[in-house]
Amino acid sequence: MTGPSTADRLAAAYALADRLTAEQRRVQVLDRYADLGADTRRTGLLAEVLARNGVVAIVPCAPRSATAVHDRHAASGTRYVEVSVAEQDDPAHTAATTHCLLTGQG
């Protein structure tokens, strides 16, 4: 999840994780802000490994950081969806829309 506001990205990421977890899906939010020293490429690698193993990996990050994550997934053929969280939108709305895209519901 990308977007200008860290708070909105995190709120949308955790709201989406809650929705998917309620459906018994395996989900992991890779909140690199919890570890400010986290390397974006390492986070992308971890997301790719989780995704290849059936876990929905949600990575809230700045748009410029998403390129490394996207490239890593594209190189391995691992499914990847980028969602932009706009400041004026409600993060829960963004999470609901993303949930529908990922699950084919709604």
PDB file of N, CA and C in Angstrom:
ATOM      1  N   MET A   1       0.847  -1.166   0.000  1.00  0.00           N
ATOM      2  CA  MET A   1       0.000   0.000   0.000  1.00  0.00           C
ATOM      3  C   MET A   1       0.885   1.218   0.000  1.00  0.00           C
ATOM      4  N   THR A   2       0.664   2.084  -0.974  1.00  0.00           N
ATOM      5  CA  THR A   2       1.458   3.295  -1.072  1.00  0.00           C
ATOM      6  C   THR A   2       0.558   4.507  -0.853  1.00  0.00           C
ATOM      7  N   GLY A   3       1.165   5.633  -0.649  1.00  0.00           N
ATOM      8  CA  GLY A   3       0.431   6.877  -0.472  1.00  0.00           C
ATOM      9  C   GLY A   3       1.247   7.846   0.347  1.00  0.00           C
ATOM     10  N   PRO A   4       0.864   9.107   0.330  1.00  0.00           N
ATOM     11  CA  PRO A   4       1.667  10.125   0.986  1.00  0.00           C
ATOM     12  C   PRO A   4       1.606  10.085   2.505  1.00  0.00           C
ATOM     13  N   SER A   5       0.557   9.580   3.074  1.00  0.00           N
ATOM     14  CA  SER A   5       0.398   9.626   4.526  1.00  0.00           C
ATOM     15  C   SER A   5       0.707   8.270   5.170  1.00  0.00           C
ATOM     16  N   THR A   6       1.707   8.256   6.039  1.00  0.00           N
ATOM     17  CA  THR A   6       2.069   7.027   6.746  1.00  0.00           C
ATOM     18  C   THR A   6       0.892   6.497   7.556  1.00  0.00           C
ATOM     19  N   ALA A   7       0.196   7.386   8.249  1.00  0.00           N
ATOM     20  CA  ALA A   7      -0.930   6.965   9.088  1.00  0.00           C
ATOM     21  C   ALA A   7      -2.032   6.319   8.256  1.00  0.00           C
ATOM     22  N   ASP A   8      -2.342   6.906   7.090  1.00  0.00           N
ATOM     23  CA  ASP A   8      -3.382   6.324   6.237  1.00  0.00           C
ATOM     24  C   ASP A   8      -2.960   4.969   5.678  1.00  0.00           C
ATOM     25  N   ARG A   9      -1.702   4.847   5.271  1.00  0.00           N
ATOM     26  CA  ARG A   9      -1.212   3.561   4.754  1.00  0.00           C
ATOM     27  C   ARG A   9      -1.317   2.482   5.822  1.00  0.00           C
ATOM     28  N   LEU A  10      -0.878   2.802   7.018  1.00  0.00           N
ATOM     29  CA  LEU A  10      -0.915   1.820   8.104  1.00  0.00           C
ATOM     30  C   LEU A  10      -2.346   1.457   8.473  1.00  0.00           C
ATOM     31  N   ALA A  11      -3.224   2.455   8.563  1.00  0.00           N
ATOM     32  CA  ALA A  11      -4.622   2.189   8.910  1.00  0.00           C
ATOM     33  C   ALA A  11      -5.269   1.291   7.867  1.00  0.00           C
ATOM     34  N   ALA A  12      -5.045   1.581   6.593  1.00  0.00           N
ATOM     35  CA  ALA A  12      -5.623   0.762   5.530  1.00  0.00           C
ATOM     36  C   ALA A  12      -5.041  -0.650   5.547  1.00  0.00           C
ATOM     37  N   ALA A  13      -3.734  -0.760   5.775  1.00  0.00           N
ATOM     38  CA  ALA A  13      -3.083  -2.074   5.802  1.00  0.00           C
ATOM     39  C   ALA A  13      -3.659  -2.951   6.916  1.00  0.00           C
ATOM     40  N   TYR A  14      -3.787  -2.394   8.104  1.00  0.00           N
ATOM     41  CA  TYR A  14      -4.294  -3.192   9.221  1.00  0.00           C
ATOM     42  C   TYR A  14      -5.792  -3.462   9.094  1.00  0.00           C
ATOM     43  N   ALA A  15      -6.555  -2.533   8.511  1.00  0.00           N
ATOM     44  CA  ALA A  15      -7.985  -2.788   8.275  1.00  0.00           C
ATOM     45  C   ALA A  15      -8.152  -3.922   7.272  1.00  0.00           C
ATOM     46  N   LEU A  16      -7.339  -3.924   6.220  1.00  0.00           N
ATOM     47  CA  LEU A  16      -7.391  -5.003   5.233  1.00  0.00           C
ATOM     48  C   LEU A  16      -6.982  -6.328   5.877  1.00  0.00           C
ATOM     49  N   ALA A  17      -5.937  -6.311   6.670  1.00  0.00           N
ATOM     50  CA  ALA A  17      -5.493  -7.535   7.352  1.00  0.00           C
ATOM     51  C   ALA A  17      -6.601  -8.100   8.236  1.00  0.00           C
ATOM     52  N   ASP A  18      -7.303  -7.231   8.953  1.00  0.00           N
ATOM     53  CA  ASP A  18      -8.411  -7.691   9.804  1.00  0.00           C
ATOM     54  C   ASP A  18      -9.503  -8.360   8.982  1.00  0.00           C
ATOM     55  N   ARG A  19      -9.852  -7.770   7.842  1.00  0.00           N
ATOM     56  CA  ARG A  19     -10.893  -8.347   6.976  1.00  0.00           C
ATOM     57  C   ARG A  19     -10.476  -9.724   6.455  1.00  0.00           C
ATOM     58  N   LEU A  20      -9.237  -9.824   6.001  1.00  0.00           N
ATOM     59  CA  LEU A  20      -8.759 -11.093   5.446  1.00  0.00           C
ATOM     60  C   LEU A  20      -8.593 -12.154   6.533  1.00  0.00           C
ATOM     61  N   THR A  21      -8.132 -11.753   7.701  1.00  0.00           N
ATOM     62  CA  THR A  21      -7.980 -12.698   8.816  1.00  0.00           C
ATOM     63  C   THR A  21      -9.340 -13.244   9.249  1.00  0.00           C
ATOM     64  N   ALA A  22     -10.366 -12.404   9.214  1.00  0.00           N
ATOM     65  CA  ALA A  22     -11.716 -12.847   9.577  1.00  0.00           C
ATOM     66  C   ALA A  22     -12.218 -13.936   8.638  1.00  0.00           C
ATOM     67  N   GLU A  23     -11.657 -13.986   7.425  1.00  0.00           N
ATOM     68  CA  GLU A  23     -12.016 -15.022   6.457  1.00  0.00           C
ATOM     69  C   GLU A  23     -11.060 -16.215   6.506  1.00  0.00           C
ATOM     70  N   GLN A  24     -10.296 -16.302   7.577  1.00  0.00           N
ATOM     71  CA  GLN A  24      -9.360 -17.406   7.781  1.00  0.00           C
ATOM     72  C   GLN A  24      -8.214 -17.412   6.775  1.00  0.00           C
ATOM     73  N   ARG A  25      -7.876 -16.267   6.210  1.00  0.00           N
ATOM     74  CA  ARG A  25      -6.732 -16.179   5.301  1.00  0.00           C
ATOM     75  C   ARG A  25      -5.483 -15.880   6.115  1.00  0.00           C
ATOM     76  N   ARG A  26      -4.377 -16.368   5.616  1.00  0.00           N
ATOM     77  CA  ARG A  26      -3.099 -16.097   6.268  1.00  0.00           C
ATOM     78  C   ARG A  26      -2.595 -14.738   5.787  1.00  0.00           C
ATOM     79  N   VAL A  27      -2.346 -13.849   6.730  1.00  0.00           N
ATOM     80  CA  VAL A  27      -2.001 -12.464   6.413  1.00  0.00           C
ATOM     81  C   VAL A  27      -0.854 -12.006   7.303  1.00  0.00           C
ATOM     82  N   GLN A  28       0.037 -11.216   6.716  1.00  0.00           N
ATOM     83  CA  GLN A  28       1.112 -10.601   7.494  1.00  0.00           C
ATOM     84  C   GLN A  28       1.295  -9.170   7.014  1.00  0.00           C
ATOM     85  N   VAL A  29       1.215  -8.215   7.935  1.00  0.00           N
ATOM     86  CA  VAL A  29       1.531  -6.826   7.613  1.00  0.00           C
ATOM     87  C   VAL A  29       3.010  -6.639   7.914  1.00  0.00           C
ATOM     88  N   LEU A  30       3.752  -6.255   6.893  1.00  0.00           N
ATOM     89  CA  LEU A  30       5.186  -5.988   7.065  1.00  0.00           C
ATOM     90  C   LEU A  30       5.342  -4.494   7.289  1.00  0.00           C
ATOM     91  N   ASP A  31       5.180  -4.109   8.522  1.00  0.00           N
ATOM     92  CA  ASP A  31       5.206  -2.707   8.916  1.00  0.00           C
ATOM     93  C   ASP A  31       6.645  -2.274   9.131  1.00  0.00           C
ATOM     94  N   ARG A  32       7.272  -1.793   8.061  1.00  0.00           N
ATOM     95  CA  ARG A  32       8.683  -1.419   8.158  1.00  0.00           C
ATOM     96  C   ARG A  32       8.894  -0.192   9.018  1.00  0.00           C
ATOM     97  N   TYR A  33       7.815   0.522   9.381  1.00  0.00           N
ATOM     98  CA  TYR A  33       7.962   1.677  10.261  1.00  0.00           C
ATOM     99  C   TYR A  33       8.163   1.243  11.704  1.00  0.00           C
ATOM    100  N   ALA A  34       7.825  -0.001  11.999  1.00  0.00           N
ATOM    101  CA  ALA A  34       8.116  -0.535  13.327  1.00  0.00           C
ATOM    102  C   ALA A  34       9.620  -0.750  13.473  1.00  0.00           C
ATOM    103  N   ASP A  35      10.294  -0.921  12.334  1.00  0.00           N
ATOM    104  CA  ASP A  35      11.751  -1.079  12.311  1.00  0.00           C
ATOM    105  C   ASP A  35      12.291  -0.091  11.283  1.00  0.00           C
ATOM    106  N   LEU A  36      12.565   1.128  11.720  1.00  0.00           N
ATOM    107  CA  LEU A  36      12.951   2.187  10.791  1.00  0.00           C
ATOM    108  C   LEU A  36      14.228   1.878  10.031  1.00  0.00           C
ATOM    109  N   GLY A  37      15.002   0.919  10.507  1.00  0.00           N
ATOM    110  CA  GLY A  37      16.220   0.557   9.804  1.00  0.00           C
ATOM    111  C   GLY A  37      16.007  -0.503   8.737  1.00  0.00           C
ATOM    112  N   ALA A  38      14.763  -0.914   8.543  1.00  0.00           N
ATOM    113  CA  ALA A  38      14.482  -1.988   7.594  1.00  0.00           C
ATOM    114  C   ALA A  38      14.843  -1.564   6.173  1.00  0.00           C
ATOM    115  N   ASP A  39      15.451  -2.456   5.471  1.00  0.00           N
ATOM    116  CA  ASP A  39      15.836  -2.230   4.083  1.00  0.00           C
ATOM    117  C   ASP A  39      14.654  -2.600   3.185  1.00  0.00           C
ATOM    118  N   THR A  40      14.306  -1.713   2.251  1.00  0.00           N
ATOM    119  CA  THR A  40      13.156  -1.941   1.374  1.00  0.00           C
ATOM    120  C   THR A  40      13.312  -3.212   0.559  1.00  0.00           C
ATOM    121  N   ARG A  41      14.504  -3.474   0.069  1.00  0.00           N
ATOM    122  CA  ARG A  41      14.693  -4.699  -0.739  1.00  0.00           C
ATOM    123  C   ARG A  41      14.523  -5.945   0.105  1.00  0.00           C
ATOM    124  N   ARG A  42      14.978  -5.898   1.336  1.00  0.00           N
ATOM    125  CA  ARG A  42      14.809  -7.045   2.229  1.00  0.00           C
ATOM    126  C   ARG A  42      13.317  -7.236   2.538  1.00  0.00           C
ATOM    127  N   THR A  43      12.614  -6.141   2.734  1.00  0.00           N
ATOM    128  CA  THR A  43      11.178  -6.223   2.970  1.00  0.00           C
ATOM    129  C   THR A  43      10.481  -6.822   1.755  1.00  0.00           C
ATOM    130  N   GLY A  44      10.900  -6.398   0.549  1.00  0.00           N
ATOM    131  CA  GLY A  44      10.339  -6.958  -0.681  1.00  0.00           C
ATOM    132  C   GLY A  44      10.596  -8.448  -0.804  1.00  0.00           C
ATOM    133  N   LEU A  45      11.789  -8.875  -0.432  1.00  0.00           N
ATOM    134  CA  LEU A  45      12.123 -10.303  -0.459  1.00  0.00           C
ATOM    135  C   LEU A  45      11.233 -11.077   0.504  1.00  0.00           C
ATOM    136  N   LEU A  46      11.075 -10.562   1.707  1.00  0.00           N
ATOM    137  CA  LEU A  46      10.228 -11.230   2.690  1.00  0.00           C
ATOM    138  C   LEU A  46       8.783 -11.299   2.192  1.00  0.00           C
ATOM    139  N   ALA A  47       8.284 -10.204   1.604  1.00  0.00           N
ATOM    140  CA  ALA A  47       6.922 -10.197   1.059  1.00  0.00           C
ATOM    141  C   ALA A  47       6.767 -11.237  -0.037  1.00  0.00           C
ATOM    142  N   GLU A  48       7.770 -11.332  -0.900  1.00  0.00           N
ATOM    143  CA  GLU A  48       7.714 -12.305  -1.991  1.00  0.00           C
ATOM    144  C   GLU A  48       7.702 -13.734  -1.458  1.00  0.00           C
ATOM    145  N   VAL A  49       8.550 -14.033  -0.501  1.00  0.00           N
ATOM    146  CA  VAL A  49       8.607 -15.383   0.074  1.00  0.00           C
ATOM    147  C   VAL A  49       7.277 -15.732   0.738  1.00  0.00           C
ATOM    148  N   LEU A  50       6.715 -14.793   1.485  1.00  0.00           N
ATOM    149  CA  LEU A  50       5.413 -15.037   2.119  1.00  0.00           C
ATOM    150  C   LEU A  50       4.341 -15.288   1.060  1.00  0.00           C
ATOM    151  N   ALA A  51       4.304 -14.444   0.029  1.00  0.00           N
ATOM    152  CA  ALA A  51       3.289 -14.580  -1.021  1.00  0.00           C
ATOM    153  C   ALA A  51       3.411 -15.908  -1.759  1.00  0.00           C
ATOM    154  N   ARG A  52       4.645 -16.326  -2.034  1.00  0.00           N
ATOM    155  CA  ARG A  52       4.842 -17.614  -2.716  1.00  0.00           C
ATOM    156  C   ARG A  52       4.332 -18.770  -1.882  1.00  0.00           C
ATOM    157  N   ASN A  53       4.245 -18.560  -0.572  1.00  0.00           N
ATOM    158  CA  ASN A  53       3.800 -19.608   0.338  1.00  0.00           C
ATOM    159  C   ASN A  53       2.362 -19.412   0.803  1.00  0.00           C
ATOM    160  N   GLY A  54       1.597 -18.639   0.037  1.00  0.00           N
ATOM    161  CA  GLY A  54       0.171 -18.508   0.296  1.00  0.00           C
ATOM    162  C   GLY A  54      -0.231 -17.496   1.345  1.00  0.00           C
ATOM    163  N   VAL A  55       0.681 -16.659   1.767  1.00  0.00           N
ATOM    164  CA  VAL A  55       0.370 -15.639   2.761  1.00  0.00           C
ATOM    165  C   VAL A  55       0.160 -14.313   2.036  1.00  0.00           C
ATOM    166  N   VAL A  56      -0.903 -13.596   2.377  1.00  0.00           N
ATOM    167  CA  VAL A  56      -1.103 -12.259   1.832  1.00  0.00           C
ATOM    168  C   VAL A  56      -0.178 -11.335   2.623  1.00  0.00           C
ATOM    169  N   ALA A  57       0.835 -10.813   1.949  1.00  0.00           N
ATOM    170  CA  ALA A  57       1.791  -9.910   2.584  1.00  0.00           C
ATOM    171  C   ALA A  57       1.400  -8.484   2.241  1.00  0.00           C
ATOM    172  N   ILE A  58       1.126  -7.689   3.249  1.00  0.00           N
ATOM    173  CA  ILE A  58       0.735  -6.294   3.038  1.00  0.00           C
ATOM    174  C   ILE A  58       1.897  -5.422   3.489  1.00  0.00           C
ATOM    175  N   VAL A  59       2.388  -4.589   2.574  1.00  0.00           N
ATOM    176  CA  VAL A  59       3.558  -3.755   2.858  1.00  0.00           C
ATOM    177  C   VAL A  59       3.169  -2.289   2.692  1.00  0.00           C
ATOM    178  N   PRO A  60       2.907  -1.578   3.798  1.00  0.00           N
ATOM    179  CA  PRO A  60       2.645  -0.152   3.684  1.00  0.00           C
ATOM    180  C   PRO A  60       3.974   0.582   3.497  1.00  0.00           C
ATOM    181  N   CYS A  61       4.115   1.315   2.396  1.00  0.00           N
ATOM    182  CA  CYS A  61       5.384   2.000   2.133  1.00  0.00           C
ATOM    183  C   CYS A  61       5.156   3.234   1.273  1.00  0.00           C
ATOM    184  N   ALA A  62       6.160   4.081   1.239  1.00  0.00           N
ATOM    185  CA  ALA A  62       6.111   5.261   0.392  1.00  0.00           C
ATOM    186  C   ALA A  62       6.151   4.814  -1.066  1.00  0.00           C
ATOM    187  N   PRO A  63       5.507   5.580  -1.968  1.00  0.00           N
ATOM    188  CA  PRO A  63       5.471   5.173  -3.381  1.00  0.00           C
ATOM    189  C   PRO A  63       6.852   4.900  -3.970  1.00  0.00           C
ATOM    190  N   ARG A  64       7.834   5.676  -3.611  1.00  0.00           N
ATOM    191  CA  ARG A  64       9.173   5.474  -4.181  1.00  0.00           C
ATOM    192  C   ARG A  64       9.793   4.156  -3.722  1.00  0.00           C
ATOM    193  N   SER A  65       9.376   3.643  -2.584  1.00  0.00           N
ATOM    194  CA  SER A  65       9.902   2.381  -2.069  1.00  0.00           C
ATOM    195  C   SER A  65       9.237   1.168  -2.710  1.00  0.00           C
ATOM    196  N   ALA A  66       8.065   1.365  -3.278  1.00  0.00           N
ATOM    197  CA  ALA A  66       7.307   0.241  -3.833  1.00  0.00           C
ATOM    198  C   ALA A  66       7.969  -0.353  -5.068  1.00  0.00           C
ATOM    199  N   THR A  67       8.777   0.418  -5.749  1.00  0.00           N
ATOM    200  CA  THR A  67       9.411  -0.065  -6.979  1.00  0.00           C
ATOM    201  C   THR A  67      10.249  -1.309  -6.716  1.00  0.00           C
ATOM    202  N   ALA A  68      11.033  -1.300  -5.655  1.00  0.00           N
ATOM    203  CA  ALA A  68      11.873  -2.457  -5.332  1.00  0.00           C
ATOM    204  C   ALA A  68      11.022  -3.689  -5.031  1.00  0.00           C
ATOM    205  N   VAL A  69       9.918  -3.488  -4.319  1.00  0.00           N
ATOM    206  CA  VAL A  69       9.022  -4.606  -3.989  1.00  0.00           C
ATOM    207  C   VAL A  69       8.380  -5.142  -5.269  1.00  0.00           C
ATOM    208  N   HIS A  70       7.894  -4.247  -6.110  1.00  0.00           N
ATOM    209  CA  HIS A  70       7.265  -4.650  -7.369  1.00  0.00           C
ATOM    210  C   HIS A  70       8.247  -5.409  -8.252  1.00  0.00           C
ATOM    211  N   ASP A  71       9.454  -4.884  -8.404  1.00  0.00           N
ATOM    212  CA  ASP A  71      10.453  -5.528  -9.254  1.00  0.00           C
ATOM    213  C   ASP A  71      10.791  -6.928  -8.757  1.00  0.00           C
ATOM    214  N   ARG A  72      10.897  -7.068  -7.462  1.00  0.00           N
ATOM    215  CA  ARG A  72      11.225  -8.376  -6.872  1.00  0.00           C
ATOM    216  C   ARG A  72      10.131  -9.392  -7.209  1.00  0.00           C
ATOM    217  N   HIS A  73       8.872  -8.991  -7.050  1.00  0.00           N
ATOM    218  CA  HIS A  73       7.757  -9.895  -7.340  1.00  0.00           C
ATOM    219  C   HIS A  73       7.676 -10.210  -8.833  1.00  0.00           C
ATOM    220  N   ALA A  74       7.860  -9.210  -9.671  1.00  0.00           N
ATOM    221  CA  ALA A  74       7.783  -9.415 -11.121  1.00  0.00           C
ATOM    222  C   ALA A  74       8.860 -10.388 -11.593  1.00  0.00           C
ATOM    223  N   ALA A  75      10.052 -10.279 -11.041  1.00  0.00           N
ATOM    224  CA  ALA A  75      11.157 -11.151 -11.445  1.00  0.00           C
ATOM    225  C   ALA A  75      10.864 -12.617 -11.141  1.00  0.00           C
ATOM    226  N   SER A  76      10.111 -12.867 -10.078  1.00  0.00           N
ATOM    227  CA  SER A  76       9.833 -14.256  -9.703  1.00  0.00           C
ATOM    228  C   SER A  76       8.463 -14.733 -10.170  1.00  0.00           C
ATOM    229  N   GLY A  77       7.677 -13.830 -10.775  1.00  0.00           N
ATOM    230  CA  GLY A  77       6.338 -14.213 -11.219  1.00  0.00           C
ATOM    231  C   GLY A  77       5.344 -14.340 -10.075  1.00  0.00           C
ATOM    232  N   THR A  78       5.629 -13.704  -8.954  1.00  0.00           N
ATOM    233  CA  THR A  78       4.752 -13.761  -7.790  1.00  0.00           C
ATOM    234  C   THR A  78       3.692 -12.667  -7.898  1.00  0.00           C
ATOM    235  N   ARG A  79       2.459 -13.013  -7.579  1.00  0.00           N
ATOM    236  CA  ARG A  79       1.342 -12.064  -7.658  1.00  0.00           C
ATOM    237  C   ARG A  79       1.619 -10.838  -6.801  1.00  0.00           C
ATOM    238  N   TYR A  80       1.278  -9.665  -7.360  1.00  0.00           N
ATOM    239  CA  TYR A  80       1.552  -8.400  -6.696  1.00  0.00           C
ATOM    240  C   TYR A  80       0.449  -7.413  -7.045  1.00  0.00           C
ATOM    241  N   VAL A  81      -0.070  -6.720  -6.046  1.00  0.00           N
ATOM    242  CA  VAL A  81      -1.065  -5.681  -6.265  1.00  0.00           C
ATOM    243  C   VAL A  81      -0.607  -4.457  -5.498  1.00  0.00           C
ATOM    244  N   GLU A  82      -0.550  -3.309  -6.172  1.00  0.00           N
ATOM    245  CA  GLU A  82      -0.212  -2.064  -5.487  1.00  0.00           C
ATOM    246  C   GLU A  82      -1.465  -1.226  -5.346  1.00  0.00           C
ATOM    247  N   VAL A  83      -1.711  -0.762  -4.140  1.00  0.00           N
ATOM    248  CA  VAL A  83      -2.880   0.054  -3.850  1.00  0.00           C
ATOM    249  C   VAL A  83      -2.393   1.395  -3.332  1.00  0.00           C
ATOM    250  N   SER A  84      -2.866   2.470  -3.952  1.00  0.00           N
ATOM    251  CA  SER A  84      -2.501   3.812  -3.505  1.00  0.00           C
ATOM    252  C   SER A  84      -3.577   4.318  -2.551  1.00  0.00           C
ATOM    253  N   VAL A  85      -3.155   4.721  -1.375  1.00  0.00           N
ATOM    254  CA  VAL A  85      -4.055   5.239  -0.351  1.00  0.00           C
ATOM    255  C   VAL A  85      -3.960   6.761  -0.395  1.00  0.00           C
ATOM    256  N   ALA A  86      -5.015   7.417  -0.849  1.00  0.00           N
ATOM    257  CA  ALA A  86      -5.020   8.880  -0.935  1.00  0.00           C
ATOM    258  C   ALA A  86      -5.412   9.475   0.413  1.00  0.00           C
ATOM    259  N   GLU A  87      -4.820  10.599   0.738  1.00  0.00           N
ATOM    260  CA  GLU A  87      -5.087  11.222   2.034  1.00  0.00           C
ATOM    261  C   GLU A  87      -6.553  11.583   2.234  1.00  0.00           C
ATOM    262  N   GLN A  88      -7.236  11.971   1.172  1.00  0.00           N
ATOM    263  CA  GLN A  88      -8.613  12.405   1.349  1.00  0.00           C
ATOM    264  C   GLN A  88      -9.583  11.230   1.502  1.00  0.00           C
ATOM    265  N   ASP A  89      -9.159  10.042   1.149  1.00  0.00           N
ATOM    266  CA  ASP A  89     -10.029   8.866   1.283  1.00  0.00           C
ATOM    267  C   ASP A  89      -9.941   8.290   2.685  1.00  0.00           C
ATOM    268  N   ASP A  90     -11.009   7.665   3.096  1.00  0.00           N
ATOM    269  CA  ASP A  90     -11.038   6.967   4.370  1.00  0.00           C
ATOM    270  C   ASP A  90     -10.240   5.673   4.228  1.00  0.00           C
ATOM    271  N   PRO A  91      -9.232   5.431   5.082  1.00  0.00           N
ATOM    272  CA  PRO A  91      -8.441   4.194   4.957  1.00  0.00           C
ATOM    273  C   PRO A  91      -9.293   2.928   4.984  1.00  0.00           C
ATOM    274  N   ALA A  92     -10.385   2.941   5.745  1.00  0.00           N
ATOM    275  CA  ALA A  92     -11.244   1.754   5.794  1.00  0.00           C
ATOM    276  C   ALA A  92     -11.895   1.518   4.430  1.00  0.00           C
ATOM    277  N   HIS A  93     -12.218   2.590   3.717  1.00  0.00           N
ATOM    278  CA  HIS A  93     -12.789   2.465   2.375  1.00  0.00           C
ATOM    279  C   HIS A  93     -11.766   1.850   1.426  1.00  0.00           C
ATOM    280  N   THR A  94     -10.534   2.311   1.503  1.00  0.00           N
ATOM    281  CA  THR A  94      -9.467   1.751   0.678  1.00  0.00           C
ATOM    282  C   THR A  94      -9.282   0.268   0.991  1.00  0.00           C
ATOM    283  N   ALA A  95      -9.313  -0.084   2.273  1.00  0.00           N
ATOM    284  CA  ALA A  95      -9.165  -1.482   2.672  1.00  0.00           C
ATOM    285  C   ALA A  95     -10.311  -2.326   2.118  1.00  0.00           C
ATOM    286  N   ALA A  96     -11.524  -1.800   2.159  1.00  0.00           N
ATOM    287  CA  ALA A  96     -12.679  -2.540   1.655  1.00  0.00           C
ATOM    288  C   ALA A  96     -12.564  -2.769   0.153  1.00  0.00           C
ATOM    289  N   THR A  97     -12.155  -1.746  -0.578  1.00  0.00           N
ATOM    290  CA  THR A  97     -11.976  -1.870  -2.026  1.00  0.00           C
ATOM    291  C   THR A  97     -10.892  -2.897  -2.350  1.00  0.00           C
ATOM    292  N   THR A  98      -9.792  -2.831  -1.651  1.00  0.00           N
ATOM    293  CA  THR A  98      -8.691  -3.774  -1.864  1.00  0.00           C
ATOM    294  C   THR A  98      -9.132  -5.192  -1.523  1.00  0.00           C
ATOM    295  N   HIS A  99      -9.881  -5.352  -0.471  1.00  0.00           N
ATOM    296  CA  HIS A  99     -10.404  -6.653  -0.072  1.00  0.00           C
ATOM    297  C   HIS A  99     -11.207  -7.264  -1.211  1.00  0.00           C
ATOM    298  N   CYS A 100     -12.062  -6.460  -1.823  1.00  0.00           N
ATOM    299  CA  CYS A 100     -12.869  -6.949  -2.948  1.00  0.00           C
ATOM    300  C   CYS A 100     -11.986  -7.376  -4.118  1.00  0.00           C
ATOM    301  N   LEU A 101     -10.929  -6.612  -4.401  1.00  0.00           N
ATOM    302  CA  LEU A 101     -10.014  -6.978  -5.484  1.00  0.00           C
ATOM    303  C   LEU A 101      -9.303  -8.298  -5.203  1.00  0.00           C
ATOM    304  N   LEU A 102      -8.871  -8.488  -3.970  1.00  0.00           N
ATOM    305  CA  LEU A 102      -8.112  -9.685  -3.623  1.00  0.00           C
ATOM    306  C   LEU A 102      -8.975 -10.929  -3.523  1.00  0.00           C
ATOM    307  N   THR A 103     -10.209 -10.771  -3.108  1.00  0.00           N
ATOM    308  CA  THR A 103     -11.058 -11.932  -2.854  1.00  0.00           C
ATOM    309  C   THR A 103     -12.096 -12.175  -3.942  1.00  0.00           C
ATOM    310  N   GLY A 104     -12.282 -11.217  -4.833  1.00  0.00           N
ATOM    311  CA  GLY A 104     -13.294 -11.369  -5.876  1.00  0.00           C
ATOM    312  C   GLY A 104     -14.702 -11.193  -5.348  1.00  0.00           C
ATOM    313  N   GLN A 105     -14.841 -10.623  -4.174  1.00  0.00           N
ATOM    314  CA  GLN A 105     -16.159 -10.408  -3.576  1.00  0.00           C
ATOM    315  C   GLN A 105     -16.624  -8.975  -3.838  1.00  0.00           C
ATOM    316  N   GLY A 106     -17.898  -8.791  -3.872  1.00  0.00           N
ATOM    317  CA  GLY A 106     -18.474  -7.468  -3.875  1.00  0.00           C
ATOM    318  C   GLY A 106     -18.537  -6.761  -5.131  1.00  0.00           C
TER     319      GLY A 106
END
